[in-house]
PDB file of N, CA and C in Angstrom:
ATOM      1  N   UNK A   1      15.306  -9.082  40.614  1.00  0.00           N
ATOM      2  CA  UNK A   1      14.597  -9.701  41.704  1.00  0.00           C
ATOM      3  C   UNK A   1      13.794  -8.646  42.450  1.00  0.00           C
ATOM      4  N   UNK A   2      12.726  -9.078  43.008  1.00  0.00           N
ATOM      5  CA  UNK A   2      11.858  -8.197  43.758  1.00  0.00           C
ATOM      6  C   UNK A   2      11.783  -8.699  45.189  1.00  0.00           C
ATOM      7  N   UNK A   3      11.821  -7.767  46.088  1.00  0.00           N
ATOM      8  CA  UNK A   3      11.747  -8.145  47.496  1.00  0.00           C
ATOM      9  C   UNK A   3      10.321  -7.959  47.973  1.00  0.00           C
ATOM     10  N   UNK A   4       9.771  -9.006  48.542  1.00  0.00           N
ATOM     11  CA  UNK A   4       8.424  -8.969  49.090  1.00  0.00           C
ATOM     12  C   UNK A   4       8.558  -8.949  50.603  1.00  0.00           C
ATOM     13  N   UNK A   5       7.957  -7.971  51.210  1.00  0.00           N
ATOM     14  CA  UNK A   5       8.066  -7.864  52.667  1.00  0.00           C
ATOM     15  C   UNK A   5       6.686  -7.872  53.294  1.00  0.00           C
ATOM     16  N   UNK A   6       6.648  -8.415  54.444  1.00  0.00           N
ATOM     17  CA  UNK A   6       5.467  -8.293  55.281  1.00  0.00           C
ATOM     18  C   UNK A   6       5.972  -8.144  56.709  1.00  0.00           C
ATOM     19  N   UNK A   7       5.122  -8.124  57.664  1.00  0.00           N
ATOM     20  CA  UNK A   7       5.527  -7.887  59.042  1.00  0.00           C
ATOM     21  C   UNK A   7       6.358  -9.023  59.607  1.00  0.00           C
ATOM     22  N   UNK A   8       6.167 -10.252  59.134  1.00  0.00           N
ATOM     23  CA  UNK A   8       6.842 -11.395  59.714  1.00  0.00           C
ATOM     24  C   UNK A   8       8.211 -11.670  59.088  1.00  0.00           C
ATOM     25  N   UNK A   9       8.306 -11.683  57.754  1.00  0.00           N
ATOM     26  CA  UNK A   9       9.577 -12.034  57.127  1.00  0.00           C
ATOM     27  C   UNK A   9       9.696 -11.386  55.755  1.00  0.00           C
ATOM     28  N   UNK A  10      10.903 -11.428  55.235  1.00  0.00           N
ATOM     29  CA  UNK A  10      11.164 -10.919  53.893  1.00  0.00           C
ATOM     30  C   UNK A  10      11.625 -12.095  53.029  1.00  0.00           C
ATOM     31  N   UNK A  11      11.133 -12.169  51.808  1.00  0.00           N
ATOM     32  CA  UNK A  11      11.524 -13.242  50.895  1.00  0.00           C
ATOM     33  C   UNK A  11      11.849 -12.636  49.541  1.00  0.00           C
ATOM     34  N   UNK A  12      12.863 -13.195  48.906  1.00  0.00           N
ATOM     35  CA  UNK A  12      13.225 -12.756  47.569  1.00  0.00           C
ATOM     36  C   UNK A  12      12.566 -13.666  46.549  1.00  0.00           C
ATOM     37  N   UNK A  13      11.971 -13.056  45.529  1.00  0.00           N
ATOM     38  CA  UNK A  13      11.300 -13.806  44.468  1.00  0.00           C
ATOM     39  C   UNK A  13      12.031 -13.532  43.166  1.00  0.00           C
ATOM     40  N   UNK A  14      12.464 -14.594  42.494  1.00  0.00           N
ATOM     41  CA  UNK A  14      13.135 -14.457  41.209  1.00  0.00           C
ATOM     42  C   UNK A  14      12.058 -14.378  40.127  1.00  0.00           C
ATOM     43  N   UNK A  15      11.863 -13.189  39.541  1.00  0.00           N
ATOM     44  CA  UNK A  15      10.815 -13.000  38.543  1.00  0.00           C
ATOM     45  C   UNK A  15      11.085 -13.789  37.264  1.00  0.00           C
ATOM     46  N   UNK A  16      12.340 -14.058  36.938  1.00  0.00           N
ATOM     47  CA  UNK A  16      12.668 -14.845  35.744  1.00  0.00           C
ATOM     48  C   UNK A  16      12.093 -16.253  35.847  1.00  0.00           C
ATOM     49  N   UNK A  17      12.124 -16.833  37.028  1.00  0.00           N
ATOM     50  CA  UNK A  17      11.557 -18.169  37.221  1.00  0.00           C
ATOM     51  C   UNK A  17      10.045 -18.151  37.053  1.00  0.00           C
ATOM     52  N   UNK A  18       9.411 -17.122  37.548  1.00  0.00           N
ATOM     53  CA  UNK A  18       7.957 -17.013  37.441  1.00  0.00           C
ATOM     54  C   UNK A  18       7.554 -16.805  35.993  1.00  0.00           C
ATOM     55  N   UNK A  19       8.245 -15.929  35.286  1.00  0.00           N
ATOM     56  CA  UNK A  19       7.935 -15.686  33.874  1.00  0.00           C
ATOM     57  C   UNK A  19       8.183 -16.937  33.040  1.00  0.00           C
ATOM     58  N   UNK A  20       9.253 -17.658  33.321  1.00  0.00           N
ATOM     59  CA  UNK A  20       9.559 -18.889  32.581  1.00  0.00           C
ATOM     60  C   UNK A  20       8.516 -19.963  32.792  1.00  0.00           C
ATOM     61  N   UNK A  21       7.959 -20.031  33.980  1.00  0.00           N
ATOM     62  CA  UNK A  21       6.948 -21.043  34.275  1.00  0.00           C
ATOM     63  C   UNK A  21       5.640 -20.743  33.555  1.00  0.00           C
ATOM     64  N   UNK A  22       5.347 -19.461  33.348  1.00  0.00           N
ATOM     65  CA  UNK A  22       4.100 -19.067  32.700  1.00  0.00           C
ATOM     66  C   UNK A  22       4.211 -18.992  31.187  1.00  0.00           C
ATOM     67  N   UNK A  23       5.408 -19.039  30.640  1.00  0.00           N
ATOM     68  CA  UNK A  23       5.592 -18.913  29.198  1.00  0.00           C
ATOM     69  C   UNK A  23       5.112 -20.175  28.488  1.00  0.00           C
ATOM     70  N   UNK A  24       4.319 -19.979  27.464  1.00  0.00           N
ATOM     71  CA  UNK A  24       3.818 -21.101  26.685  1.00  0.00           C
ATOM     72  C   UNK A  24       4.732 -21.315  25.482  1.00  0.00           C
ATOM     73  N   UNK A  25       5.074 -22.553  25.174  1.00  0.00           N
ATOM     74  CA  UNK A  25       5.896 -22.788  23.985  1.00  0.00           C
ATOM     75  C   UNK A  25       5.075 -22.526  22.724  1.00  0.00           C
ATOM     76  N   UNK A  26       5.698 -21.893  21.749  1.00  0.00           N
ATOM     77  CA  UNK A  26       5.028 -21.605  20.486  1.00  0.00           C
ATOM     78  C   UNK A  26       5.882 -22.108  19.334  1.00  0.00           C
ATOM     79  N   UNK A  27       5.240 -22.368  18.226  1.00  0.00           N
ATOM     80  CA  UNK A  27       5.928 -22.768  17.005  1.00  0.00           C
ATOM     81  C   UNK A  27       6.114 -21.504  16.165  1.00  0.00           C
ATOM     82  N   UNK A  28       7.295 -21.331  15.600  1.00  0.00           N
ATOM     83  CA  UNK A  28       7.545 -20.164  14.757  1.00  0.00           C
ATOM     84  C   UNK A  28       8.438 -20.557  13.590  1.00  0.00           C
ATOM     85  N   UNK A  29       8.471 -19.691  12.592  1.00  0.00           N
ATOM     86  CA  UNK A  29       9.365 -19.883  11.462  1.00  0.00           C
ATOM     87  C   UNK A  29      10.752 -19.409  11.871  1.00  0.00           C
ATOM     88  N   UNK A  30      11.791 -20.160  11.488  1.00  0.00           N
ATOM     89  CA  UNK A  30      13.139 -19.679  11.761  1.00  0.00           C
ATOM     90  C   UNK A  30      13.552 -18.689  10.663  1.00  0.00           C
ATOM     91  N   UNK A  31      14.715 -18.119  10.798  1.00  0.00           N
ATOM     92  CA  UNK A  31      15.177 -17.073   9.893  1.00  0.00           C
ATOM     93  C   UNK A  31      15.263 -17.574   8.441  1.00  0.00           C
ATOM     94  N   UNK A  32      15.771 -18.777   8.254  1.00  0.00           N
ATOM     95  CA  UNK A  32      15.909 -19.346   6.911  1.00  0.00           C
ATOM     96  C   UNK A  32      14.539 -19.579   6.267  1.00  0.00           C
ATOM     97  N   UNK A  33      13.613 -20.146   7.026  1.00  0.00           N
ATOM     98  CA  UNK A  33      12.268 -20.398   6.513  1.00  0.00           C
ATOM     99  C   UNK A  33      11.564 -19.096   6.152  1.00  0.00           C
ATOM    100  N   UNK A  34      11.669 -18.115   7.027  1.00  0.00           N
ATOM    101  CA  UNK A  34      11.029 -16.830   6.773  1.00  0.00           C
ATOM    102  C   UNK A  34      11.639 -16.149   5.550  1.00  0.00           C
ATOM    103  N   UNK A  35      12.942 -16.294   5.360  1.00  0.00           N
ATOM    104  CA  UNK A  35      13.593 -15.735   4.178  1.00  0.00           C
ATOM    105  C   UNK A  35      13.061 -16.351   2.894  1.00  0.00           C
ATOM    106  N   UNK A  36      12.857 -17.664   2.889  1.00  0.00           N
ATOM    107  CA  UNK A  36      12.303 -18.335   1.709  1.00  0.00           C
ATOM    108  C   UNK A  36      10.887 -17.844   1.408  1.00  0.00           C
ATOM    109  N   UNK A  37      10.079 -17.728   2.442  1.00  0.00           N
ATOM    110  CA  UNK A  37       8.695 -17.279   2.262  1.00  0.00           C
ATOM    111  C   UNK A  37       8.667 -15.836   1.773  1.00  0.00           C
ATOM    112  N   UNK A  38       9.489 -14.974   2.351  1.00  0.00           N
ATOM    113  CA  UNK A  38       9.483 -13.563   1.968  1.00  0.00           C
ATOM    114  C   UNK A  38      10.015 -13.332   0.558  1.00  0.00           C
ATOM    115  N   UNK A  39      10.901 -14.203   0.061  1.00  0.00           N
ATOM    116  CA  UNK A  39      11.350 -14.092  -1.334  1.00  0.00           C
ATOM    117  C   UNK A  39      10.175 -14.306  -2.292  1.00  0.00           C
ATOM    118  N   UNK A  40       9.390 -15.344  -2.028  1.00  0.00           N
ATOM    119  CA  UNK A  40       8.210 -15.603  -2.863  1.00  0.00           C
ATOM    120  C   UNK A  40       7.206 -14.465  -2.707  1.00  0.00           C
ATOM    121  N   UNK A  41       6.994 -14.025  -1.472  1.00  0.00           N
ATOM    122  CA  UNK A  41       6.046 -12.938  -1.209  1.00  0.00           C
ATOM    123  C   UNK A  41       6.467 -11.670  -1.950  1.00  0.00           C
ATOM    124  N   UNK A  42       7.735 -11.320  -1.894  1.00  0.00           N
ATOM    125  CA  UNK A  42       8.229 -10.120  -2.569  1.00  0.00           C
ATOM    126  C   UNK A  42       8.037 -10.188  -4.074  1.00  0.00           C
ATOM    127  N   UNK A  43       8.267 -11.367  -4.644  1.00  0.00           N
ATOM    128  CA  UNK A  43       8.072 -11.541  -6.078  1.00  0.00           C
ATOM    129  C   UNK A  43       6.605 -11.324  -6.462  1.00  0.00           C
ATOM    130  N   UNK A  44       5.700 -11.854  -5.656  1.00  0.00           N
ATOM    131  CA  UNK A  44       4.275 -11.716  -5.956  1.00  0.00           C
ATOM    132  C   UNK A  44       3.753 -10.300  -5.689  1.00  0.00           C
ATOM    133  N   UNK A  45       4.334  -9.607  -4.721  1.00  0.00           N
ATOM    134  CA  UNK A  45       3.969  -8.211  -4.474  1.00  0.00           C
ATOM    135  C   UNK A  45       4.393  -7.355  -5.664  1.00  0.00           C
ATOM    136  N   UNK A  46       5.615  -7.599  -6.163  1.00  0.00           N
ATOM    137  CA  UNK A  46       6.088  -6.801  -7.297  1.00  0.00           C
ATOM    138  C   UNK A  46       5.271  -7.097  -8.560  1.00  0.00           C
ATOM    139  N   UNK A  47       4.667  -8.273  -8.648  1.00  0.00           N
ATOM    140  CA  UNK A  47       3.793  -8.609  -9.777  1.00  0.00           C
ATOM    141  C   UNK A  47       2.385  -8.050  -9.580  1.00  0.00           C
ATOM    142  N   UNK A  48       2.116  -7.483  -8.399  1.00  0.00           N
ATOM    143  CA  UNK A  48       0.813  -6.890  -8.126  1.00  0.00           C
ATOM    144  C   UNK A  48      -0.248  -7.882  -7.682  1.00  0.00           C
ATOM    145  N   UNK A  49       0.151  -9.107  -7.366  1.00  0.00           N
ATOM    146  CA  UNK A  49      -0.811 -10.143  -6.978  1.00  0.00           C
ATOM    147  C   UNK A  49      -1.191 -10.070  -5.503  1.00  0.00           C
ATOM    148  N   UNK A  50      -0.230  -9.796  -4.650  1.00  0.00           N
ATOM    149  CA  UNK A  50      -0.456  -9.785  -3.212  1.00  0.00           C
ATOM    150  C   UNK A  50      -0.131  -8.410  -2.657  1.00  0.00           C
ATOM    151  N   UNK A  51      -0.749  -8.080  -1.514  1.00  0.00           N
ATOM    152  CA  UNK A  51      -0.516  -6.761  -0.943  1.00  0.00           C
ATOM    153  C   UNK A  51      -0.216  -6.749   0.555  1.00  0.00           C
ATOM    154  N   UNK A  52      -0.558  -7.798   1.270  1.00  0.00           N
ATOM    155  CA  UNK A  52      -0.376  -7.757   2.721  1.00  0.00           C
ATOM    156  C   UNK A  52      -0.152  -9.179   3.242  1.00  0.00           C
ATOM    157  N   UNK A  53       0.399  -9.263   4.442  1.00  0.00           N
ATOM    158  CA  UNK A  53       0.614 -10.561   5.068  1.00  0.00           C
ATOM    159  C   UNK A  53       0.478 -10.435   6.575  1.00  0.00           C
ATOM    160  N   UNK A  54       0.349 -11.593   7.217  1.00  0.00           N
ATOM    161  CA  UNK A  54       0.302 -11.662   8.681  1.00  0.00           C
ATOM    162  C   UNK A  54       1.014 -12.935   9.107  1.00  0.00           C
ATOM    163  N   UNK A  55       1.691 -12.870  10.239  1.00  0.00           N
ATOM    164  CA  UNK A  55       2.374 -14.035  10.787  1.00  0.00           C
ATOM    165  C   UNK A  55       1.768 -14.347  12.152  1.00  0.00           C
ATOM    166  N   UNK A  56       1.345 -15.578  12.323  1.00  0.00           N
ATOM    167  CA  UNK A  56       0.802 -16.036  13.602  1.00  0.00           C
ATOM    168  C   UNK A  56       1.681 -17.152  14.135  1.00  0.00           C
ATOM    169  N   UNK A  57       2.074 -17.042  15.397  1.00  0.00           N
ATOM    170  CA  UNK A  57       2.819 -18.109  16.062  1.00  0.00           C
ATOM    171  C   UNK A  57       1.913 -18.676  17.144  1.00  0.00           C
ATOM    172  N   UNK A  58       1.501 -19.902  16.934  1.00  0.00           N
ATOM    173  CA  UNK A  58       0.562 -20.559  17.833  1.00  0.00           C
ATOM    174  C   UNK A  58       1.266 -21.688  18.572  1.00  0.00           C
ATOM    175  N   UNK A  59       0.573 -22.326  19.482  1.00  0.00           N
ATOM    176  CA  UNK A  59       1.176 -23.420  20.253  1.00  0.00           C
ATOM    177  C   UNK A  59       1.467 -24.637  19.392  1.00  0.00           C
ATOM    178  N   UNK A  60       0.635 -24.903  18.384  1.00  0.00           N
ATOM    179  CA  UNK A  60       0.796 -26.111  17.581  1.00  0.00           C
ATOM    180  C   UNK A  60       1.330 -25.867  16.173  1.00  0.00           C
ATOM    181  N   UNK A  61       1.309 -24.617  15.696  1.00  0.00           N
ATOM    182  CA  UNK A  61       1.751 -24.331  14.336  1.00  0.00           C
ATOM    183  C   UNK A  61       2.070 -22.860  14.151  1.00  0.00           C
ATOM    184  N   UNK A  62       2.805 -22.584  13.090  1.00  0.00           N
ATOM    185  CA  UNK A  62       3.086 -21.201  12.679  1.00  0.00           C
ATOM    186  C   UNK A  62       2.408 -20.988  11.338  1.00  0.00           C
ATOM    187  N   UNK A  63       1.830 -19.793  11.142  1.00  0.00           N
ATOM    188  CA  UNK A  63       1.066 -19.515   9.933  1.00  0.00           C
ATOM    189  C   UNK A  63       1.504 -18.181   9.339  1.00  0.00           C
ATOM    190  N   UNK A  64       1.823 -18.201   8.037  1.00  0.00           N
ATOM    191  CA  UNK A  64       2.103 -16.985   7.272  1.00  0.00           C
ATOM    192  C   UNK A  64       0.920 -16.812   6.332  1.00  0.00           C
ATOM    193  N   UNK A  65       0.056 -15.838   6.609  1.00  0.00           N
ATOM    194  CA  UNK A  65      -1.153 -15.615   5.817  1.00  0.00           C
ATOM    195  C   UNK A  65      -0.887 -14.546   4.776  1.00  0.00           C
ATOM    196  N   UNK A  66      -1.389 -14.769   3.564  1.00  0.00           N
ATOM    197  CA  UNK A  66      -1.159 -13.877   2.441  1.00  0.00           C
ATOM    198  C   UNK A  66      -2.499 -13.303   1.997  1.00  0.00           C
ATOM    199  N   UNK A  67      -2.549 -11.969   1.837  1.00  0.00           N
ATOM    200  CA  UNK A  67      -3.790 -11.278   1.516  1.00  0.00           C
ATOM    201  C   UNK A  67      -3.684 -10.527   0.190  1.00  0.00           C
ATOM    202  N   UNK A  68      -4.778 -10.475  -0.525  1.00  0.00           N
ATOM    203  CA  UNK A  68      -4.877  -9.624  -1.715  1.00  0.00           C
ATOM    204  C   UNK A  68      -5.096  -8.188  -1.259  1.00  0.00           C
ATOM    205  N   UNK A  69      -5.989  -8.023  -0.323  1.00  0.00           N
ATOM    206  CA  UNK A  69      -6.234  -6.732   0.333  1.00  0.00           C
ATOM    207  C   UNK A  69      -6.290  -7.002   1.830  1.00  0.00           C
ATOM    208  N   UNK A  70      -5.898  -6.018   2.619  1.00  0.00           N
ATOM    209  CA  UNK A  70      -5.788  -6.251   4.059  1.00  0.00           C
ATOM    210  C   UNK A  70      -7.119  -6.504   4.735  1.00  0.00           C
ATOM    211  N   UNK A  71      -8.220  -6.115   4.136  1.00  0.00           N
ATOM    212  CA  UNK A  71      -9.519  -6.277   4.790  1.00  0.00           C
ATOM    213  C   UNK A  71     -10.192  -7.605   4.459  1.00  0.00           C
ATOM    214  N   UNK A  72      -9.559  -8.423   3.634  1.00  0.00           N
ATOM    215  CA  UNK A  72     -10.161  -9.678   3.206  1.00  0.00           C
ATOM    216  C   UNK A  72      -9.639 -10.861   4.002  1.00  0.00           C
ATOM    217  N   UNK A  73     -10.210 -12.023   3.702  1.00  0.00           N
ATOM    218  CA  UNK A  73      -9.684 -13.278   4.218  1.00  0.00           C
ATOM    219  C   UNK A  73      -8.393 -13.584   3.465  1.00  0.00           C
ATOM    220  N   UNK A  74      -7.480 -14.346   4.054  1.00  0.00           N
ATOM    221  CA  UNK A  74      -6.231 -14.650   3.343  1.00  0.00           C
ATOM    222  C   UNK A  74      -6.478 -15.502   2.095  1.00  0.00           C
ATOM    223  N   UNK A  75      -5.736 -15.175   1.026  1.00  0.00           N
ATOM    224  CA  UNK A  75      -5.786 -15.986  -0.190  1.00  0.00           C
ATOM    225  C   UNK A  75      -5.135 -17.340   0.052  1.00  0.00           C
ATOM    226  N   UNK A  76      -3.973 -17.294   0.715  1.00  0.00           N
ATOM    227  CA  UNK A  76      -3.197 -18.497   0.986  1.00  0.00           C
ATOM    228  C   UNK A  76      -2.630 -18.421   2.391  1.00  0.00           C
ATOM    229  N   UNK A  77      -2.346 -19.608   2.936  1.00  0.00           N
ATOM    230  CA  UNK A  77      -1.652 -19.712   4.212  1.00  0.00           C
ATOM    231  C   UNK A  77      -0.497 -20.685   4.047  1.00  0.00           C
ATOM    232  N   UNK A  78       0.684 -20.271   4.432  1.00  0.00           N
ATOM    233  CA  UNK A  78       1.829 -21.174   4.495  1.00  0.00           C
ATOM    234  C   UNK A  78       1.930 -21.584   5.956  1.00  0.00           C
ATOM    235  N   UNK A  79       1.799 -22.883   6.219  1.00  0.00           N
ATOM    236  CA  UNK A  79       1.754 -23.364   7.599  1.00  0.00           C
ATOM    237  C   UNK A  79       2.926 -24.284   7.900  1.00  0.00           C
ATOM    238  N   UNK A  80       3.401 -24.188   9.129  1.00  0.00           N
ATOM    239  CA  UNK A  80       4.426 -25.092   9.650  1.00  0.00           C
ATOM    240  C   UNK A  80       3.819 -25.784  10.858  1.00  0.00           C
ATOM    241  N   UNK A  81       3.669 -27.102  10.748  1.00  0.00           N
ATOM    242  CA  UNK A  81       3.082 -27.893  11.819  1.00  0.00           C
ATOM    243  C   UNK A  81       4.050 -29.032  12.157  1.00  0.00           C
ATOM    244  N   UNK A  82       4.875 -28.876  13.194  1.00  0.00           N
ATOM    245  CA  UNK A  82       5.873 -29.893  13.530  1.00  0.00           C
ATOM    246  C   UNK A  82       5.291 -31.274  13.838  1.00  0.00           C
ATOM    247  N   UNK A  83       4.043 -31.354  14.258  1.00  0.00           N
ATOM    248  CA  UNK A  83       3.439 -32.652  14.559  1.00  0.00           C
ATOM    249  C   UNK A  83       3.300 -33.517  13.309  1.00  0.00           C
ATOM    250  N   UNK A  84       3.240 -32.884  12.133  1.00  0.00           N
ATOM    251  CA  UNK A  84       3.099 -33.631  10.880  1.00  0.00           C
ATOM    252  C   UNK A  84       4.432 -33.880  10.195  1.00  0.00           C
ATOM    253  N   UNK A  85       5.545 -33.516  10.833  1.00  0.00           N
ATOM    254  CA  UNK A  85       6.865 -33.592  10.200  1.00  0.00           C
ATOM    255  C   UNK A  85       7.224 -35.007   9.764  1.00  0.00           C
ATOM    256  N   UNK A  86       6.891 -36.002  10.537  1.00  0.00           N
ATOM    257  CA  UNK A  86       7.253 -37.386  10.177  1.00  0.00           C
ATOM    258  C   UNK A  86       6.235 -38.041   9.259  1.00  0.00           C
ATOM    259  N   UNK A  87       5.050 -37.512   9.230  1.00  0.00           N
ATOM    260  CA  UNK A  87       3.997 -38.126   8.420  1.00  0.00           C
ATOM    261  C   UNK A  87       3.958 -37.500   7.021  1.00  0.00           C
ATOM    262  N   UNK A  88       3.262 -36.393   6.889  1.00  0.00           N
ATOM    263  CA  UNK A  88       3.027 -35.771   5.591  1.00  0.00           C
ATOM    264  C   UNK A  88       4.012 -34.654   5.288  1.00  0.00           C
ATOM    265  N   UNK A  89       4.715 -34.211   6.274  1.00  0.00           N
ATOM    266  CA  UNK A  89       5.611 -33.072   6.125  1.00  0.00           C
ATOM    267  C   UNK A  89       5.098 -31.905   6.932  1.00  0.00           C
ATOM    268  N   UNK A  90       6.004 -31.158   7.506  1.00  0.00           N
ATOM    269  CA  UNK A  90       5.631 -30.071   8.407  1.00  0.00           C
ATOM    270  C   UNK A  90       5.070 -28.855   7.681  1.00  0.00           C
ATOM    271  N   UNK A  91       5.376 -28.711   6.389  1.00  0.00           N
ATOM    272  CA  UNK A  91       5.002 -27.497   5.662  1.00  0.00           C
ATOM    273  C   UNK A  91       3.828 -27.762   4.730  1.00  0.00           C
ATOM    274  N   UNK A  92       2.944 -26.771   4.620  1.00  0.00           N
ATOM    275  CA  UNK A  92       1.829 -26.882   3.687  1.00  0.00           C
ATOM    276  C   UNK A  92       1.413 -25.498   3.218  1.00  0.00           C
ATOM    277  N   UNK A  93       0.835 -25.464   2.019  1.00  0.00           N
ATOM    278  CA  UNK A  93       0.220 -24.256   1.478  1.00  0.00           C
ATOM    279  C   UNK A  93      -1.260 -24.554   1.359  1.00  0.00           C
ATOM    280  N   UNK A  94      -2.079 -23.716   2.001  1.00  0.00           N
ATOM    281  CA  UNK A  94      -3.518 -23.921   2.055  1.00  0.00           C
ATOM    282  C   UNK A  94      -4.202 -22.756   1.360  1.00  0.00           C
ATOM    283  N   UNK A  95      -5.125 -23.045   0.439  1.00  0.00           N
ATOM    284  CA  UNK A  95      -5.880 -22.005  -0.270  1.00  0.00           C
ATOM    285  C   UNK A  95      -6.989 -21.459   0.628  1.00  0.00           C
ATOM    286  N   UNK A  96      -7.653 -20.412   0.156  1.00  0.00           N
ATOM    287  CA  UNK A  96      -8.672 -19.721   0.947  1.00  0.00           C
ATOM    288  C   UNK A  96      -9.805 -20.636   1.382  1.00  0.00           C
ATOM    289  N   UNK A  97     -10.204 -21.576   0.555  1.00  0.00           N
ATOM    290  CA  UNK A  97     -11.309 -22.462   0.900  1.00  0.00           C
ATOM    291  C   UNK A  97     -10.927 -23.617   1.796  1.00  0.00           C
ATOM    292  N   UNK A  98      -9.644 -23.725   2.156  1.00  0.00           N
ATOM    293  CA  UNK A  98      -9.185 -24.807   3.016  1.00  0.00           C
ATOM    294  C   UNK A  98      -8.519 -25.949   2.263  1.00  0.00           C
ATOM    295  N   UNK A  99      -8.453 -25.856   0.941  1.00  0.00           N
ATOM    296  CA  UNK A  99      -7.820 -26.878   0.120  1.00  0.00           C
ATOM    297  C   UNK A  99      -6.306 -26.843   0.315  1.00  0.00           C
ATOM    298  N   UNK A 100      -5.722 -27.979   0.659  1.00  0.00           N
ATOM    299  CA  UNK A 100      -4.274 -28.072   0.796  1.00  0.00           C
ATOM    300  C   UNK A 100      -3.694 -28.202  -0.609  1.00  0.00           C
ATOM    301  N   UNK A 101      -2.987 -27.171  -1.058  1.00  0.00           N
ATOM    302  CA  UNK A 101      -2.457 -27.150  -2.416  1.00  0.00           C
ATOM    303  C   UNK A 101      -1.179 -27.974  -2.548  1.00  0.00           C
ATOM    304  N   UNK A 102      -0.353 -27.941  -1.509  1.00  0.00           N
ATOM    305  CA  UNK A 102       0.901 -28.690  -1.530  1.00  0.00           C
ATOM    306  C   UNK A 102       1.336 -28.906  -0.091  1.00  0.00           C
ATOM    307  N   UNK A 103       1.926 -30.068   0.162  1.00  0.00           N
ATOM    308  CA  UNK A 103       2.406 -30.401   1.501  1.00  0.00           C
ATOM    309  C   UNK A 103       3.703 -31.174   1.340  1.00  0.00           C
ATOM    310  N   UNK A 104       4.644 -30.967   2.266  1.00  0.00           N
ATOM    311  CA  UNK A 104       5.881 -31.713   2.175  1.00  0.00           C
ATOM    312  C   UNK A 104       6.844 -31.433   3.305  1.00  0.00           C
ATOM    313  N   UNK A 105       8.014 -32.084   3.204  1.00  0.00           N
ATOM    314  CA  UNK A 105       9.058 -31.956   4.221  1.00  0.00           C
ATOM    315  C   UNK A 105      10.009 -30.799   3.948  1.00  0.00           C
ATOM    316  N   UNK A 106      10.083 -30.356   2.688  1.00  0.00           N
ATOM    317  CA  UNK A 106      11.014 -29.303   2.281  1.00  0.00           C
ATOM    318  C   UNK A 106      10.222 -28.048   1.916  1.00  0.00           C
ATOM    319  N   UNK A 107      10.457 -26.955   2.634  1.00  0.00           N
ATOM    320  CA  UNK A 107       9.714 -25.724   2.418  1.00  0.00           C
ATOM    321  C   UNK A 107       9.914 -25.187   1.002  1.00  0.00           C
ATOM    322  N   UNK A 108      11.137 -25.253   0.476  1.00  0.00           N
ATOM    323  CA  UNK A 108      11.403 -24.737  -0.871  1.00  0.00           C
ATOM    324  C   UNK A 108      10.557 -25.461  -1.921  1.00  0.00           C
ATOM    325  N   UNK A 109      10.416 -26.762  -1.780  1.00  0.00           N
ATOM    326  CA  UNK A 109       9.596 -27.522  -2.727  1.00  0.00           C
ATOM    327  C   UNK A 109       8.109 -27.193  -2.572  1.00  0.00           C
ATOM    328  N   UNK A 110       7.674 -26.987  -1.348  1.00  0.00           N
ATOM    329  CA  UNK A 110       6.272 -26.652  -1.104  1.00  0.00           C
ATOM    330  C   UNK A 110       5.949 -25.277  -1.686  1.00  0.00           C
ATOM    331  N   UNK A 111       6.874 -24.334  -1.569  1.00  0.00           N
ATOM    332  CA  UNK A 111       6.640 -22.983  -2.081  1.00  0.00           C
ATOM    333  C   UNK A 111       6.654 -22.927  -3.602  1.00  0.00           C
ATOM    334  N   UNK A 112       7.107 -23.984  -4.253  1.00  0.00           N
ATOM    335  CA  UNK A 112       7.093 -24.011  -5.719  1.00  0.00           C
ATOM    336  C   UNK A 112       5.683 -23.989  -6.291  1.00  0.00           C
ATOM    337  N   UNK A 113       4.695 -24.244  -5.471  1.00  0.00           N
ATOM    338  CA  UNK A 113       3.316 -24.166  -5.938  1.00  0.00           C
ATOM    339  C   UNK A 113       3.011 -22.754  -6.442  1.00  0.00           C
ATOM    340  N   UNK A 114       3.738 -21.759  -5.964  1.00  0.00           N
ATOM    341  CA  UNK A 114       3.536 -20.375  -6.393  1.00  0.00           C
ATOM    342  C   UNK A 114       4.319 -20.040  -7.659  1.00  0.00           C
ATOM    343  N   UNK A 115       5.183 -20.925  -8.113  1.00  0.00           N
ATOM    344  CA  UNK A 115       5.929 -20.685  -9.340  1.00  0.00           C
ATOM    345  C   UNK A 115       5.015 -20.735 -10.557  1.00  0.00           C
ATOM    346  N   UNK A 116       3.964 -21.488 -10.461  1.00  0.00           N
ATOM    347  CA  UNK A 116       2.993 -21.524 -11.544  1.00  0.00           C
ATOM    348  C   UNK A 116       2.298 -20.175 -11.598  1.00  0.00           C
ATOM    349  N   UNK A 117       1.791 -19.854 -12.710  1.00  0.00           N
ATOM    350  CA  UNK A 117       1.118 -18.567 -12.870  1.00  0.00           C
ATOM    351  C   UNK A 117      -0.253 -18.635 -12.203  1.00  0.00           C
ATOM    352  N   UNK A 118      -0.307 -18.259 -10.942  1.00  0.00           N
ATOM    353  CA  UNK A 118      -1.572 -18.247 -10.212  1.00  0.00           C
ATOM    354  C   UNK A 118      -2.208 -16.873 -10.372  1.00  0.00           C
ATOM    355  N   UNK A 119      -3.409 -16.848 -10.819  1.00  0.00           N
ATOM    356  CA  UNK A 119      -4.143 -15.603 -11.015  1.00  0.00           C
ATOM    357  C   UNK A 119      -5.439 -15.666 -10.223  1.00  0.00           C
ATOM    358  N   UNK A 120      -5.796 -14.568  -9.627  1.00  0.00           N
ATOM    359  CA  UNK A 120      -7.057 -14.476  -8.918  1.00  0.00           C
ATOM    360  C   UNK A 120      -8.156 -14.167  -9.918  1.00  0.00           C
ATOM    361  N   UNK A 121      -9.185 -14.984  -9.915  1.00  0.00           N
ATOM    362  CA  UNK A 121     -10.318 -14.774 -10.826  1.00  0.00           C
ATOM    363  C   UNK A 121     -11.392 -14.060 -10.045  1.00  0.00           C
ATOM    364  N   UNK A 122     -11.733 -12.858 -10.498  1.00  0.00           N
ATOM    365  CA  UNK A 122     -12.765 -12.081  -9.827  1.00  0.00           C
ATOM    366  C   UNK A 122     -14.038 -12.127 -10.639  1.00  0.00           C
ATOM    367  N   UNK A 123     -15.157 -12.203  -9.932  1.00  0.00           N
ATOM    368  CA  UNK A 123     -16.471 -12.245 -10.614  1.00  0.00           C
ATOM    369  C   UNK A 123     -16.920 -10.872 -11.027  1.00  0.00           C
TER     370      UNK A 123
END
């Protein structure tokens, strides 16, 4: 707590209440979900297909972006969007061009899209 004083009175301000009021809720991957994603990521890194990743926690969704090289646009994005949980499923894999490759309610089933031999075709 911090004490604020002025000439007239002293008041105590609970900083935890102020910080809690300003905190924005975000969507994130839980430990189990992140473990599933990192298993697939590790397999593809060891195969030489992927080299870098980024995790974004936003107000409406969580995104795990996968890169071939760190300076490029992501090859794939694994997204968790709780608003779609009852409709199409909260999880999706999106390709670089925005094409939704797989969507569903079960993350393990959605990540199976990477079980196929996906190869990057370079011009």
